[in-house]
Amino acid sequence: IAMRALGDPDAFLPSDLGVRRAAA
C-alpha cells in the first residue's frame, strides 16, 4: 500500500515470494 497507493519510492517487500525468488 505504501508503494502503490501512497507513492513511497523506498517501500520494500523483502518477504514477497516473487522478490525472494528473484533475489535467490
PDB file of all heavy atoms in Angstrom:
ATOM      1  N   ILE A   1       0.845  -1.197   0.000  1.00  0.00           N
ATOM      2  CA  ILE A   1       0.000   0.000   0.000  1.00  0.00           C
ATOM      3  C   ILE A   1       0.880   1.248   0.000  1.00  0.00           C
ATOM      4  O   ILE A   1       0.606   2.216  -0.725  1.00  0.00           O
ATOM      5  CB  ILE A   1      -0.953  -0.005   1.205  1.00  0.00           C
ATOM      6  CG1 ILE A   1      -2.000  -1.117   1.038  1.00  0.00           C
ATOM      7  CG2 ILE A   1      -1.649   1.348   1.367  1.00  0.00           C
ATOM      8  CD1 ILE A   1      -2.886  -1.318   2.254  1.00  0.00           C
ATOM      9  N   ALA A   2       1.953   1.237   0.788  1.00  0.00           N
ATOM     10  CA  ALA A   2       2.875   2.376   0.798  1.00  0.00           C
ATOM     11  C   ALA A   2       3.488   2.595  -0.584  1.00  0.00           C
ATOM     12  O   ALA A   2       3.672   3.730  -1.032  1.00  0.00           O
ATOM     13  CB  ALA A   2       3.974   2.155   1.829  1.00  0.00           C
ATOM     14  N   MET A   3       3.784   1.502  -1.280  1.00  0.00           N
ATOM     15  CA  MET A   3       4.418   1.589  -2.595  1.00  0.00           C
ATOM     16  C   MET A   3       3.455   2.091  -3.661  1.00  0.00           C
ATOM     17  O   MET A   3       3.743   3.050  -4.379  1.00  0.00           O
ATOM     18  CB  MET A   3       4.961   0.218  -3.004  1.00  0.00           C
ATOM     19  CG  MET A   3       5.570   0.174  -4.402  1.00  0.00           C
ATOM     20  SD  MET A   3       5.892  -1.518  -4.972  1.00  0.00           S
ATOM     21  CE  MET A   3       7.141  -2.041  -3.806  1.00  0.00           C
ATOM     22  N   ARG A   4       2.299   1.451  -3.767  1.00  0.00           N
ATOM     23  CA  ARG A   4       1.437   1.684  -4.920  1.00  0.00           C
ATOM     24  C   ARG A   4       0.300   2.671  -4.660  1.00  0.00           C
ATOM     25  O   ARG A   4      -0.184   3.285  -5.602  1.00  0.00           O
ATOM     26  CB  ARG A   4       0.876   0.353  -5.420  1.00  0.00           C
ATOM     27  CG  ARG A   4       1.958  -0.607  -5.907  1.00  0.00           C
ATOM     28  CD  ARG A   4       1.387  -1.751  -6.705  1.00  0.00           C
ATOM     29  NE  ARG A   4       0.584  -1.275  -7.811  1.00  0.00           N
ATOM     30  CZ  ARG A   4      -0.364  -2.002  -8.413  1.00  0.00           C
ATOM     31  NH1 ARG A   4      -0.614  -3.233  -7.985  1.00  0.00           N
ATOM     32  NH2 ARG A   4      -1.050  -1.503  -9.416  1.00  0.00           N
ATOM     33  N   ALA A   5      -0.112   2.825  -3.415  1.00  0.00           N
ATOM     34  CA  ALA A   5      -1.197   3.756  -3.111  1.00  0.00           C
ATOM     35  C   ALA A   5      -0.671   5.098  -2.617  1.00  0.00           C
ATOM     36  O   ALA A   5      -1.178   6.151  -3.003  1.00  0.00           O
ATOM     37  CB  ALA A   5      -2.137   3.155  -2.069  1.00  0.00           C
ATOM     38  N   LEU A   6       0.351   5.066  -1.758  1.00  0.00           N
ATOM     39  CA  LEU A   6       0.879   6.300  -1.180  1.00  0.00           C
ATOM     40  C   LEU A   6       2.037   6.864  -1.974  1.00  0.00           C
ATOM     41  O   LEU A   6       2.384   8.036  -1.834  1.00  0.00           O
ATOM     42  CB  LEU A   6       1.303   6.066   0.276  1.00  0.00           C
ATOM     43  CG  LEU A   6       0.244   5.448   1.189  1.00  0.00           C
ATOM     44  CD1 LEU A   6       0.770   5.365   2.611  1.00  0.00           C
ATOM     45  CD2 LEU A   6      -1.054   6.238   1.139  1.00  0.00           C
ATOM     46  N   GLY A   7       2.692   6.030  -2.794  1.00  0.00           N
ATOM     47  CA  GLY A   7       3.759   6.526  -3.658  1.00  0.00           C
ATOM     48  C   GLY A   7       5.120   6.637  -3.017  1.00  0.00           C
ATOM     49  O   GLY A   7       5.977   7.366  -3.535  1.00  0.00           O
ATOM     50  N   ASP A   8       5.371   5.921  -1.920  1.00  0.00           N
ATOM     51  CA  ASP A   8       6.697   5.969  -1.306  1.00  0.00           C
ATOM     52  C   ASP A   8       7.698   5.247  -2.208  1.00  0.00           C
ATOM     53  O   ASP A   8       7.595   4.037  -2.407  1.00  0.00           O
ATOM     54  CB  ASP A   8       6.655   5.298   0.076  1.00  0.00           C
ATOM     55  CG  ASP A   8       7.984   5.388   0.815  1.00  0.00           C
ATOM     56  OD1 ASP A   8       8.977   5.843   0.216  1.00  0.00           O
ATOM     57  OD2 ASP A   8       8.039   4.996   1.996  1.00  0.00           O
ATOM     58  N   PRO A   9       8.695   5.944  -2.763  1.00  0.00           N
ATOM     59  CA  PRO A   9       9.637   5.300  -3.681  1.00  0.00           C
ATOM     60  C   PRO A   9      10.593   4.341  -2.997  1.00  0.00           C
ATOM     61  O   PRO A   9      11.310   3.597  -3.674  1.00  0.00           O
ATOM     62  CB  PRO A   9      10.396   6.487  -4.287  1.00  0.00           C
ATOM     63  CG  PRO A   9      10.352   7.538  -3.222  1.00  0.00           C
ATOM     64  CD  PRO A   9       9.006   7.374  -2.563  1.00  0.00           C
ATOM     65  N   ASP A  10      10.588   4.343  -1.667  1.00  0.00           N
ATOM     66  CA  ASP A  10      11.504   3.472  -0.928  1.00  0.00           C
ATOM     67  C   ASP A  10      10.790   2.310  -0.251  1.00  0.00           C
ATOM     68  O   ASP A  10      11.380   1.571   0.530  1.00  0.00           O
ATOM     69  CB  ASP A  10      12.266   4.286   0.127  1.00  0.00           C
ATOM     70  CG  ASP A  10      13.573   3.622   0.546  1.00  0.00           C
ATOM     71  OD1 ASP A  10      14.249   3.039  -0.327  1.00  0.00           O
ATOM     72  OD2 ASP A  10      13.907   3.674   1.745  1.00  0.00           O
ATOM     73  N   ALA A  11       9.503   2.122  -0.547  1.00  0.00           N
ATOM     74  CA  ALA A  11       8.775   0.973   0.011  1.00  0.00           C
ATOM     75  C   ALA A  11       9.428  -0.317  -0.478  1.00  0.00           C
ATOM     76  O   ALA A  11       9.884  -0.402  -1.618  1.00  0.00           O
ATOM     77  CB  ALA A  11       7.315   1.021  -0.409  1.00  0.00           C
ATOM     78  N   PHE A  12       9.445  -1.320   0.376  1.00  0.00           N
ATOM     79  CA  PHE A  12      10.197  -2.541   0.051  1.00  0.00           C
ATOM     80  C   PHE A  12       9.427  -3.771   0.526  1.00  0.00           C
ATOM     81  O   PHE A  12       8.776  -3.731   1.576  1.00  0.00           O
ATOM     82  CB  PHE A  12      11.575  -2.490   0.705  1.00  0.00           C
ATOM     83  CG  PHE A  12      12.529  -3.528   0.201  1.00  0.00           C
ATOM     84  CD1 PHE A  12      12.694  -3.749  -1.162  1.00  0.00           C
ATOM     85  CD2 PHE A  12      13.269  -4.290   1.093  1.00  0.00           C
ATOM     86  CE1 PHE A  12      13.575  -4.712  -1.632  1.00  0.00           C
ATOM     87  CE2 PHE A  12      14.163  -5.252   0.631  1.00  0.00           C
ATOM     88  CZ  PHE A  12      14.311  -5.465  -0.729  1.00  0.00           C
ATOM     89  N   LEU A  13       9.506  -4.855  -0.257  1.00  0.00           N
ATOM     90  CA  LEU A  13       8.752  -6.081   0.025  1.00  0.00           C
ATOM     91  C   LEU A  13       9.703  -7.281   0.129  1.00  0.00           C
ATOM     92  O   LEU A  13       9.671  -8.189  -0.703  1.00  0.00           O
ATOM     93  CB  LEU A  13       7.743  -6.344  -1.095  1.00  0.00           C
ATOM     94  CG  LEU A  13       6.772  -5.213  -1.446  1.00  0.00           C
ATOM     95  CD1 LEU A  13       5.978  -5.560  -2.695  1.00  0.00           C
ATOM     96  CD2 LEU A  13       5.830  -4.954  -0.282  1.00  0.00           C
ATOM     97  N   PRO A  14      10.529  -7.335   1.157  1.00  0.00           N
ATOM     98  CA  PRO A  14      11.518  -8.427   1.241  1.00  0.00           C
ATOM     99  C   PRO A  14      10.900  -9.799   1.460  1.00  0.00           C
ATOM    100  O   PRO A  14      11.538 -10.813   1.175  1.00  0.00           O
ATOM    101  CB  PRO A  14      12.388  -8.017   2.432  1.00  0.00           C
ATOM    102  CG  PRO A  14      11.492  -7.186   3.291  1.00  0.00           C
ATOM    103  CD  PRO A  14      10.619  -6.433   2.321  1.00  0.00           C
ATOM    104  N   SER A  15       9.645  -9.845   1.949  1.00  0.00           N
ATOM    105  CA  SER A  15       9.004 -11.142   2.182  1.00  0.00           C
ATOM    106  C   SER A  15       8.176 -11.614   0.985  1.00  0.00           C
ATOM    107  O   SER A  15       7.653 -12.727   1.002  1.00  0.00           O
ATOM    108  CB  SER A  15       8.101 -11.060   3.422  1.00  0.00           C
ATOM    109  OG  SER A  15       7.054 -10.112   3.220  1.00  0.00           O
ATOM    110  N   ASP A  16       8.056 -10.796  -0.040  1.00  0.00           N
ATOM    111  CA  ASP A  16       7.280 -11.165  -1.221  1.00  0.00           C
ATOM    112  C   ASP A  16       7.912 -12.363  -1.916  1.00  0.00           C
ATOM    113  O   ASP A  16       9.137 -12.403  -2.131  1.00  0.00           O
ATOM    114  CB  ASP A  16       7.208  -9.973  -2.178  1.00  0.00           C
ATOM    115  CG  ASP A  16       6.419 -10.277  -3.436  1.00  0.00           C
ATOM    116  OD1 ASP A  16       5.193 -10.184  -3.390  1.00  0.00           O
ATOM    117  OD2 ASP A  16       7.052 -10.620  -4.452  1.00  0.00           O
ATOM    118  N   LEU A  17       7.092 -13.336  -2.287  1.00  0.00           N
ATOM    119  CA  LEU A  17       7.619 -14.559  -2.879  1.00  0.00           C
ATOM    120  C   LEU A  17       8.375 -14.278  -4.172  1.00  0.00           C
ATOM    121  O   LEU A  17       9.451 -14.832  -4.406  1.00  0.00           O
ATOM    122  CB  LEU A  17       6.466 -15.537  -3.146  1.00  0.00           C
ATOM    123  CG  LEU A  17       6.863 -16.892  -3.764  1.00  0.00           C
ATOM    124  CD1 LEU A  17       7.837 -17.636  -2.862  1.00  0.00           C
ATOM    125  CD2 LEU A  17       5.611 -17.728  -4.026  1.00  0.00           C
ATOM    126  N   GLY A  18       7.811 -13.411  -5.027  1.00  0.00           N
ATOM    127  CA  GLY A  18       8.482 -13.092  -6.282  1.00  0.00           C
ATOM    128  C   GLY A  18       9.804 -12.393  -6.069  1.00  0.00           C
ATOM    129  O   GLY A  18      10.787 -12.663  -6.783  1.00  0.00           O
ATOM    130  N   VAL A  19       9.873 -11.501  -5.099  1.00  0.00           N
ATOM    131  CA  VAL A  19      11.118 -10.798  -4.791  1.00  0.00           C
ATOM    132  C   VAL A  19      12.160 -11.775  -4.266  1.00  0.00           C
ATOM    133  O   VAL A  19      13.331 -11.746  -4.677  1.00  0.00           O
ATOM    134  CB  VAL A  19      10.856  -9.671  -3.768  1.00  0.00           C
ATOM    135  CG1 VAL A  19      12.168  -9.108  -3.235  1.00  0.00           C
ATOM    136  CG2 VAL A  19      10.019  -8.566  -4.402  1.00  0.00           C
ATOM    137  N   ARG A  20      11.752 -12.667  -3.360  1.00  0.00           N
ATOM    138  CA  ARG A  20      12.695 -13.625  -2.785  1.00  0.00           C
ATOM    139  C   ARG A  20      13.210 -14.595  -3.843  1.00  0.00           C
ATOM    140  O   ARG A  20      14.400 -14.937  -3.878  1.00  0.00           O
ATOM    141  CB  ARG A  20      12.029 -14.381  -1.639  1.00  0.00           C
ATOM    142  CG  ARG A  20      11.671 -13.499  -0.446  1.00  0.00           C
ATOM    143  CD  ARG A  20      10.972 -14.279   0.641  1.00  0.00           C
ATOM    144  NE  ARG A  20      11.836 -15.327   1.185  1.00  0.00           N
ATOM    145  CZ  ARG A  20      11.433 -16.242   2.065  1.00  0.00           C
ATOM    146  NH1 ARG A  20      10.161 -16.259   2.449  1.00  0.00           N
ATOM    147  NH2 ARG A  20      12.271 -17.138   2.524  1.00  0.00           N
ATOM    148  N   ARG A  21      12.309 -15.031  -4.731  1.00  0.00           N
ATOM    149  CA  ARG A  21      12.712 -15.956  -5.791  1.00  0.00           C
ATOM    150  C   ARG A  21      13.720 -15.280  -6.734  1.00  0.00           C
ATOM    151  O   ARG A  21      14.720 -15.866  -7.128  1.00  0.00           O
ATOM    152  CB  ARG A  21      11.478 -16.413  -6.550  1.00  0.00           C
ATOM    153  CG  ARG A  21      11.765 -17.470  -7.618  1.00  0.00           C
ATOM    154  CD  ARG A  21      10.499 -17.789  -8.395  1.00  0.00           C
ATOM    155  NE  ARG A  21       9.465 -18.313  -7.504  1.00  0.00           N
ATOM    156  CZ  ARG A  21       8.176 -18.122  -7.664  1.00  0.00           C
ATOM    157  NH1 ARG A  21       7.739 -17.366  -8.667  1.00  0.00           N
ATOM    158  NH2 ARG A  21       7.314 -18.675  -6.838  1.00  0.00           N
ATOM    159  N   ALA A  22      13.432 -14.025  -7.097  1.00  0.00           N
ATOM    160  CA  ALA A  22      14.339 -13.293  -7.979  1.00  0.00           C
ATOM    161  C   ALA A  22      15.688 -13.059  -7.309  1.00  0.00           C
ATOM    162  O   ALA A  22      16.742 -13.185  -7.944  1.00  0.00           O
ATOM    163  CB  ALA A  22      13.712 -11.967  -8.376  1.00  0.00           C
ATOM    164  N   ALA A  23      15.656 -12.717  -6.015  1.00  0.00           N
ATOM    165  CA  ALA A  23      16.899 -12.476  -5.291  1.00  0.00           C
ATOM    166  C   ALA A  23      17.767 -13.721  -5.270  1.00  0.00           C
ATOM    167  O   ALA A  23      18.978 -13.657  -5.508  1.00  0.00           O
ATOM    168  CB  ALA A  23      16.582 -12.011  -3.874  1.00  0.00           C
ATOM    169  N   ALA A  24      17.153 -14.859  -5.011  1.00  0.00           N
ATOM    170  CA  ALA A  24      17.914 -16.107  -4.980  1.00  0.00           C
ATOM    171  C   ALA A  24      18.521 -16.409  -6.347  1.00  0.00           C
ATOM    172  O   ALA A  24      19.674 -16.853  -6.454  1.00  0.00           O
ATOM    173  CB  ALA A  24      17.015 -17.255  -4.529  1.00  0.00           C
TER     174      ALA A  24
END
